[in-house]
Every structure is written in structure tokens, then in C-alpha cells.
């Protein structure tokens, strides 16, 4: 199928979103991240620390970060 071949996926769809573990995880090769057109960084308001974001920027090109998604935001914060 089309999903078996990345070139076909890119020809068929305008955007392809890949949900991956955190950039701090050893499960994702950094070389794979460099092949992506951009990154949306998900920030868990109750878990993600500034140090985690700083460490992520040590591994990825800051120009790849297109934006941030704030998850589990408490209305009181």
C-alpha cells in the first residue's frame, strides 16, 4: 500500500504527521528527525520541564521546530 513507501505518501498527501516518543527518548534515531520537514513539540504542562526542552534543542536543529502544542494545560496555570 501507499503507506509502505514514503515517496508515495508524500505525493498523495500535503502533510504527513508522525507521532513519535519524546526527543529525549533513545527510541528515535536523531538521523530520522533530521529527515523531517519540521517538528511540532508537544509540551505536557504537568510533566515537561524547561531542562527537557533545552535538551531537545541540543539534539535537533532549532530551525526545524515549527511550533509547540501545550497539552494538559490546567486552567489555573
PDB file of N, CA and C in Angstrom:
ATOM      1  N   UNK A   1       0.801  -1.192   0.000  1.00  0.00           N
ATOM      2  CA  UNK A   1       0.000   0.000   0.000  1.00  0.00           C
ATOM      3  C   UNK A   1       0.843   1.254   0.000  1.00  0.00           C
ATOM      4  N   UNK A   2       0.188   2.390  -0.124  1.00  0.00           N
ATOM      5  CA  UNK A   2       0.881   3.673  -0.202  1.00  0.00           C
ATOM      6  C   UNK A   2       1.706   3.958   1.051  1.00  0.00           C
ATOM      7  N   UNK A   3       1.232   3.502   2.210  1.00  0.00           N
ATOM      8  CA  UNK A   3       1.957   3.798   3.444  1.00  0.00           C
ATOM      9  C   UNK A   3       3.260   3.025   3.553  1.00  0.00           C
ATOM     10  N   UNK A   4       3.440   2.013   2.709  1.00  0.00           N
ATOM     11  CA  UNK A   4       4.677   1.255   2.737  1.00  0.00           C
ATOM     12  C   UNK A   4       5.823   2.015   2.078  1.00  0.00           C
ATOM     13  N   UNK A   5       5.516   3.002   1.276  1.00  0.00           N
ATOM     14  CA  UNK A   5       6.524   3.722   0.510  1.00  0.00           C
ATOM     15  C   UNK A   5       6.426   5.216   0.806  1.00  0.00           C
ATOM     16  N   UNK A   6       7.365   5.780   1.578  1.00  0.00           N
ATOM     17  CA  UNK A   6       7.291   7.187   1.961  1.00  0.00           C
ATOM     18  C   UNK A   6       7.137   8.130   0.774  1.00  0.00           C
ATOM     19  N   UNK A   7       7.784   7.864  -0.372  1.00  0.00           N
ATOM     20  CA  UNK A   7       7.663   8.762  -1.520  1.00  0.00           C
ATOM     21  C   UNK A   7       6.220   8.845  -1.997  1.00  0.00           C
ATOM     22  N   UNK A   8       5.515   7.710  -1.992  1.00  0.00           N
ATOM     23  CA  UNK A   8       4.113   7.714  -2.414  1.00  0.00           C
ATOM     24  C   UNK A   8       3.245   8.497  -1.438  1.00  0.00           C
ATOM     25  N   UNK A   9       3.538   8.388  -0.157  1.00  0.00           N
ATOM     26  CA  UNK A   9       2.767   9.108   0.855  1.00  0.00           C
ATOM     27  C   UNK A   9       2.937  10.611   0.633  1.00  0.00           C
ATOM     28  N   UNK A  10       4.154  11.043   0.390  1.00  0.00           N
ATOM     29  CA  UNK A  10       4.400  12.470   0.202  1.00  0.00           C
ATOM     30  C   UNK A  10       3.762  12.997  -1.081  1.00  0.00           C
ATOM     31  N   UNK A  11       3.624  12.169  -2.087  1.00  0.00           N
ATOM     32  CA  UNK A  11       2.973  12.587  -3.329  1.00  0.00           C
ATOM     33  C   UNK A  11       1.456  12.667  -3.162  1.00  0.00           C
ATOM     34  N   UNK A  12       0.892  11.821  -2.315  1.00  0.00           N
ATOM     35  CA  UNK A  12      -0.556  11.751  -2.166  1.00  0.00           C
ATOM     36  C   UNK A  12      -1.119  12.758  -1.170  1.00  0.00           C
ATOM     37  N   UNK A  13      -0.346  13.108  -0.132  1.00  0.00           N
ATOM     38  CA  UNK A  13      -0.848  13.968   0.935  1.00  0.00           C
ATOM     39  C   UNK A  13      -0.024  15.246   1.032  1.00  0.00           C
ATOM     40  N   UNK A  14      -0.679  16.344   1.429  1.00  0.00           N
ATOM     41  CA  UNK A  14       0.020  17.612   1.626  1.00  0.00           C
ATOM     42  C   UNK A  14       0.864  17.591   2.895  1.00  0.00           C
ATOM     43  N   UNK A  15       0.340  16.953   3.935  1.00  0.00           N
ATOM     44  CA  UNK A  15       1.034  16.882   5.221  1.00  0.00           C
ATOM     45  C   UNK A  15       1.014  15.453   5.722  1.00  0.00           C
ATOM     46  N   UNK A  16       2.112  15.030   6.308  1.00  0.00           N
ATOM     47  CA  UNK A  16       2.183  13.735   6.971  1.00  0.00           C
ATOM     48  C   UNK A  16       2.681  14.012   8.384  1.00  0.00           C
ATOM     49  N   UNK A  17       1.875  13.637   9.369  1.00  0.00           N
ATOM     50  CA  UNK A  17       2.238  13.863  10.772  1.00  0.00           C
ATOM     51  C   UNK A  17       2.642  12.528  11.372  1.00  0.00           C
ATOM     52  N   UNK A  18       3.816  12.511  12.001  1.00  0.00           N
ATOM     53  CA  UNK A  18       4.337  11.298  12.624  1.00  0.00           C
ATOM     54  C   UNK A  18       4.374  11.534  14.128  1.00  0.00           C
ATOM     55  N   UNK A  19       3.654  10.712  14.886  1.00  0.00           N
ATOM     56  CA  UNK A  19       3.646  10.802  16.343  1.00  0.00           C
ATOM     57  C   UNK A  19       4.799   9.951  16.853  1.00  0.00           C
ATOM     58  N   UNK A  20       5.738  10.590  17.534  1.00  0.00           N
ATOM     59  CA  UNK A  20       6.929   9.882  17.996  1.00  0.00           C
ATOM     60  C   UNK A  20       7.101  10.058  19.497  1.00  0.00           C
ATOM     61  N   UNK A  21       7.878   9.166  20.117  1.00  0.00           N
ATOM     62  CA  UNK A  21       8.224   9.374  21.528  1.00  0.00           C
ATOM     63  C   UNK A  21       9.013  10.681  21.679  1.00  0.00           C
ATOM     64  N   UNK A  22       9.233  11.096  22.884  1.00  0.00           N
ATOM     65  CA  UNK A  22       9.938  12.356  23.123  1.00  0.00           C
ATOM     66  C   UNK A  22      11.328  12.330  22.511  1.00  0.00           C
ATOM     67  N   UNK A  23      11.827  13.509  22.178  1.00  0.00           N
ATOM     68  CA  UNK A  23      13.159  13.620  21.583  1.00  0.00           C
ATOM     69  C   UNK A  23      14.226  13.146  22.561  1.00  0.00           C
ATOM     70  N   UNK A  24      13.905  13.121  23.848  1.00  0.00           N
ATOM     71  CA  UNK A  24      14.846  12.644  24.850  1.00  0.00           C
ATOM     72  C   UNK A  24      14.929  11.126  24.911  1.00  0.00           C
ATOM     73  N   UNK A  25      14.020  10.465  24.221  1.00  0.00           N
ATOM     74  CA  UNK A  25      13.981   9.011  24.232  1.00  0.00           C
ATOM     75  C   UNK A  25      15.067   8.429  23.333  1.00  0.00           C
ATOM     76  N   UNK A  26      15.583   7.284  23.712  1.00  0.00           N
ATOM     77  CA  UNK A  26      16.571   6.593  22.886  1.00  0.00           C
ATOM     78  C   UNK A  26      15.903   5.797  21.762  1.00  0.00           C
ATOM     79  N   UNK A  27      14.574   5.804  21.716  1.00  0.00           N
ATOM     80  CA  UNK A  27      13.841   5.015  20.735  1.00  0.00           C
ATOM     81  C   UNK A  27      13.860   5.625  19.333  1.00  0.00           C
ATOM     82  N   UNK A  28      14.200   6.897  19.211  1.00  0.00           N
ATOM     83  CA  UNK A  28      14.162   7.568  17.910  1.00  0.00           C
ATOM     84  C   UNK A  28      15.565   7.978  17.511  1.00  0.00           C
ATOM     85  N   UNK A  29      16.030   7.471  16.380  1.00  0.00           N
ATOM     86  CA  UNK A  29      17.347   7.921  15.922  1.00  0.00           C
ATOM     87  C   UNK A  29      17.286   9.383  15.503  1.00  0.00           C
ATOM     88  N   UNK A  30      18.210  10.170  15.981  1.00  0.00           N
ATOM     89  CA  UNK A  30      18.247  11.588  15.650  1.00  0.00           C
ATOM     90  C   UNK A  30      18.365  11.780  14.140  1.00  0.00           C
ATOM     91  N   UNK A  31      18.995  10.840  13.445  1.00  0.00           N
ATOM     92  CA  UNK A  31      19.109  10.955  11.990  1.00  0.00           C
ATOM     93  C   UNK A  31      17.739  10.938  11.322  1.00  0.00           C
ATOM     94  N   UNK A  32      16.779  10.209  11.901  1.00  0.00           N
ATOM     95  CA  UNK A  32      15.424  10.190  11.358  1.00  0.00           C
ATOM     96  C   UNK A  32      14.785  11.569  11.495  1.00  0.00           C
ATOM     97  N   UNK A  33      14.976  12.205  12.631  1.00  0.00           N
ATOM     98  CA  UNK A  33      14.403  13.524  12.874  1.00  0.00           C
ATOM     99  C   UNK A  33      14.923  14.520  11.850  1.00  0.00           C
ATOM    100  N   UNK A  34      16.194  14.399  11.467  1.00  0.00           N
ATOM    101  CA  UNK A  34      16.758  15.350  10.514  1.00  0.00           C
ATOM    102  C   UNK A  34      16.141  15.210   9.123  1.00  0.00           C
ATOM    103  N   UNK A  35      15.456  14.100   8.841  1.00  0.00           N
ATOM    104  CA  UNK A  35      14.814  13.895   7.549  1.00  0.00           C
ATOM    105  C   UNK A  35      13.419  14.519   7.477  1.00  0.00           C
ATOM    106  N   UNK A  36      12.895  14.980   8.591  1.00  0.00           N
ATOM    107  CA  UNK A  36      11.564  15.568   8.634  1.00  0.00           C
ATOM    108  C   UNK A  36      11.616  17.032   8.224  1.00  0.00           C
ATOM    109  N   UNK A  37      10.533  17.517   7.636  1.00  0.00           N
ATOM    110  CA  UNK A  37      10.467  18.926   7.223  1.00  0.00           C
ATOM    111  C   UNK A  37      10.308  19.862   8.403  1.00  0.00           C
ATOM    112  N   UNK A  38       9.748  19.386   9.494  1.00  0.00           N
ATOM    113  CA  UNK A  38       9.556  20.232  10.658  1.00  0.00           C
ATOM    114  C   UNK A  38       9.048  19.432  11.836  1.00  0.00           C
ATOM    115  N   UNK A  39       9.125  20.042  12.985  1.00  0.00           N
ATOM    116  CA  UNK A  39       8.702  19.393  14.227  1.00  0.00           C
ATOM    117  C   UNK A  39       7.692  20.264  14.959  1.00  0.00           C
ATOM    118  N   UNK A  40       6.656  19.632  15.488  1.00  0.00           N
ATOM    119  CA  UNK A  40       5.759  20.259  16.448  1.00  0.00           C
ATOM    120  C   UNK A  40       6.084  19.619  17.789  1.00  0.00           C
ATOM    121  N   UNK A  41       6.492  20.397  18.735  1.00  0.00           N
ATOM    122  CA  UNK A  41       6.907  19.891  20.043  1.00  0.00           C
ATOM    123  C   UNK A  41       5.702  19.911  20.968  1.00  0.00           C
ATOM    124  N   UNK A  42       5.372  18.750  21.531  1.00  0.00           N
ATOM    125  CA  UNK A  42       4.261  18.652  22.473  1.00  0.00           C
ATOM    126  C   UNK A  42       4.825  18.811  23.882  1.00  0.00           C
ATOM    127  N   UNK A  43       4.266  19.756  24.615  1.00  0.00           N
ATOM    128  CA  UNK A  43       4.700  20.045  25.972  1.00  0.00           C
ATOM    129  C   UNK A  43       3.582  19.650  26.914  1.00  0.00           C
ATOM    130  N   UNK A  44       3.856  18.696  27.807  1.00  0.00           N
ATOM    131  CA  UNK A  44       2.895  18.294  28.839  1.00  0.00           C
ATOM    132  C   UNK A  44       3.068  19.268  29.990  1.00  0.00           C
ATOM    133  N   UNK A  45       2.069  20.088  30.217  1.00  0.00           N
ATOM    134  CA  UNK A  45       2.207  21.173  31.200  1.00  0.00           C
ATOM    135  C   UNK A  45       2.517  20.665  32.609  1.00  0.00           C
ATOM    136  N   UNK A  46       2.129  19.435  32.911  1.00  0.00           N
ATOM    137  CA  UNK A  46       2.386  18.909  34.246  1.00  0.00           C
ATOM    138  C   UNK A  46       3.663  18.100  34.360  1.00  0.00           C
ATOM    139  N   UNK A  47       4.314  17.795  33.223  1.00  0.00           N
ATOM    140  CA  UNK A  47       5.470  16.906  33.247  1.00  0.00           C
ATOM    141  C   UNK A  47       6.725  17.496  32.621  1.00  0.00           C
ATOM    142  N   UNK A  48       6.573  18.184  31.507  1.00  0.00           N
ATOM    143  CA  UNK A  48       7.729  18.659  30.765  1.00  0.00           C
ATOM    144  C   UNK A  48       8.411  19.792  31.521  1.00  0.00           C
ATOM    145  N   UNK A  49       9.716  19.637  31.695  1.00  0.00           N
ATOM    146  CA  UNK A  49      10.491  20.665  32.395  1.00  0.00           C
ATOM    147  C   UNK A  49      11.270  21.493  31.367  1.00  0.00           C
ATOM    148  N   UNK A  50      11.666  22.676  31.756  1.00  0.00           N
ATOM    149  CA  UNK A  50      12.469  23.535  30.883  1.00  0.00           C
ATOM    150  C   UNK A  50      13.740  22.795  30.459  1.00  0.00           C
ATOM    151  N   UNK A  51      14.311  22.019  31.366  1.00  0.00           N
ATOM    152  CA  UNK A  51      15.527  21.268  31.069  1.00  0.00           C
ATOM    153  C   UNK A  51      15.291  20.253  29.945  1.00  0.00           C
ATOM    154  N   UNK A  52      14.073  19.684  29.900  1.00  0.00           N
ATOM    155  CA  UNK A  52      13.725  18.731  28.836  1.00  0.00           C
ATOM    156  C   UNK A  52      13.723  19.427  27.478  1.00  0.00           C
ATOM    157  N   UNK A  53      13.160  20.616  27.437  1.00  0.00           N
ATOM    158  CA  UNK A  53      13.106  21.373  26.181  1.00  0.00           C
ATOM    159  C   UNK A  53      14.511  21.809  25.775  1.00  0.00           C
ATOM    160  N   UNK A  54      15.310  22.251  26.731  1.00  0.00           N
ATOM    161  CA  UNK A  54      16.696  22.626  26.434  1.00  0.00           C
ATOM    162  C   UNK A  54      17.470  21.442  25.876  1.00  0.00           C
ATOM    163  N   UNK A  55      17.272  20.259  26.465  1.00  0.00           N
ATOM    164  CA  UNK A  55      17.964  19.049  25.991  1.00  0.00           C
ATOM    165  C   UNK A  55      17.514  18.686  24.578  1.00  0.00           C
ATOM    166  N   UNK A  56      16.230  18.872  24.283  1.00  0.00           N
ATOM    167  CA  UNK A  56      15.724  18.584  22.940  1.00  0.00           C
ATOM    168  C   UNK A  56      16.412  19.489  21.922  1.00  0.00           C
ATOM    169  N   UNK A  57      16.585  20.771  22.262  1.00  0.00           N
ATOM    170  CA  UNK A  57      17.236  21.700  21.347  1.00  0.00           C
ATOM    171  C   UNK A  57      18.718  21.382  21.156  1.00  0.00           C
ATOM    172  N   UNK A  58      19.296  20.600  22.053  1.00  0.00           N
ATOM    173  CA  UNK A  58      20.676  20.152  21.867  1.00  0.00           C
ATOM    174  C   UNK A  58      20.761  19.043  20.815  1.00  0.00           C
ATOM    175  N   UNK A  59      19.628  18.360  20.570  1.00  0.00           N
ATOM    176  CA  UNK A  59      19.602  17.221  19.645  1.00  0.00           C
ATOM    177  C   UNK A  59      19.051  17.560  18.270  1.00  0.00           C
ATOM    178  N   UNK A  60      18.221  18.584  18.168  1.00  0.00           N
ATOM    179  CA  UNK A  60      17.586  18.907  16.891  1.00  0.00           C
ATOM    180  C   UNK A  60      17.969  20.323  16.472  1.00  0.00           C
ATOM    181  N   UNK A  61      17.832  20.569  15.193  1.00  0.00           N
ATOM    182  CA  UNK A  61      18.085  21.893  14.655  1.00  0.00           C
ATOM    183  C   UNK A  61      16.922  22.801  15.057  1.00  0.00           C
ATOM    184  N   UNK A  62      17.188  23.903  15.747  1.00  0.00           N
ATOM    185  CA  UNK A  62      16.101  24.793  16.177  1.00  0.00           C
ATOM    186  C   UNK A  62      15.235  25.299  15.022  1.00  0.00           C
ATOM    187  N   UNK A  63      15.800  25.375  13.831  1.00  0.00           N
ATOM    188  CA  UNK A  63      15.039  25.846  12.672  1.00  0.00           C
ATOM    189  C   UNK A  63      13.990  24.828  12.224  1.00  0.00           C
ATOM    190  N   UNK A  64      14.113  23.575  12.690  1.00  0.00           N
ATOM    191  CA  UNK A  64      13.126  22.548  12.357  1.00  0.00           C
ATOM    192  C   UNK A  64      11.856  22.690  13.189  1.00  0.00           C
ATOM    193  N   UNK A  65      11.934  23.350  14.331  1.00  0.00           N
ATOM    194  CA  UNK A  65      10.784  23.454  15.230  1.00  0.00           C
ATOM    195  C   UNK A  65       9.813  24.489  14.665  1.00  0.00           C
ATOM    196  N   UNK A  66       8.638  23.998  14.258  1.00  0.00           N
ATOM    197  CA  UNK A  66       7.613  24.860  13.677  1.00  0.00           C
ATOM    198  C   UNK A  66       6.722  25.483  14.737  1.00  0.00           C
ATOM    199  N   UNK A  67       6.636  24.840  15.902  1.00  0.00           N
ATOM    200  CA  UNK A  67       5.795  25.370  16.962  1.00  0.00           C
ATOM    201  C   UNK A  67       5.659  24.394  18.105  1.00  0.00           C
ATOM    202  N   UNK A  68       4.846  24.774  19.068  1.00  0.00           N
ATOM    203  CA  UNK A  68       4.636  23.976  20.267  1.00  0.00           C
ATOM    204  C   UNK A  68       3.146  23.726  20.457  1.00  0.00           C
ATOM    205  N   UNK A  69       2.827  22.557  21.003  1.00  0.00           N
ATOM    206  CA  UNK A  69       1.461  22.204  21.388  1.00  0.00           C
ATOM    207  C   UNK A  69       1.496  22.004  22.896  1.00  0.00           C
ATOM    208  N   UNK A  70       0.689  22.768  23.613  1.00  0.00           N
ATOM    209  CA  UNK A  70       0.635  22.629  25.065  1.00  0.00           C
ATOM    210  C   UNK A  70      -0.510  21.692  25.416  1.00  0.00           C
ATOM    211  N   UNK A  71      -0.173  20.588  26.058  1.00  0.00           N
ATOM    212  CA  UNK A  71      -1.108  19.528  26.378  1.00  0.00           C
ATOM    213  C   UNK A  71      -1.356  19.514  27.885  1.00  0.00           C
ATOM    214  N   UNK A  72      -2.593  19.145  28.249  1.00  0.00           N
ATOM    215  CA  UNK A  72      -2.976  19.011  29.652  1.00  0.00           C
ATOM    216  C   UNK A  72      -2.780  20.306  30.444  1.00  0.00           C
ATOM    217  N   UNK A  73      -3.112  21.406  29.811  1.00  0.00           N
ATOM    218  CA  UNK A  73      -2.986  22.700  30.452  1.00  0.00           C
ATOM    219  C   UNK A  73      -4.096  22.876  31.481  1.00  0.00           C
ATOM    220  N   UNK A  74      -3.703  23.187  32.686  1.00  0.00           N
ATOM    221  CA  UNK A  74      -4.655  23.431  33.763  1.00  0.00           C
ATOM    222  C   UNK A  74      -5.136  24.876  33.635  1.00  0.00           C
ATOM    223  N   UNK A  75      -6.426  25.092  33.713  1.00  0.00           N
ATOM    224  CA  UNK A  75      -6.995  26.434  33.570  1.00  0.00           C
ATOM    225  C   UNK A  75      -6.431  27.409  34.613  1.00  0.00           C
ATOM    226  N   UNK A  76      -5.970  26.895  35.731  1.00  0.00           N
ATOM    227  CA  UNK A  76      -5.444  27.750  36.794  1.00  0.00           C
ATOM    228  C   UNK A  76      -4.030  28.247  36.506  1.00  0.00           C
ATOM    229  N   UNK A  77      -3.338  27.596  35.566  1.00  0.00           N
ATOM    230  CA  UNK A  77      -1.943  27.950  35.284  1.00  0.00           C
ATOM    231  C   UNK A  77      -1.858  29.192  34.423  1.00  0.00           C
TER     232      UNK A  77
END
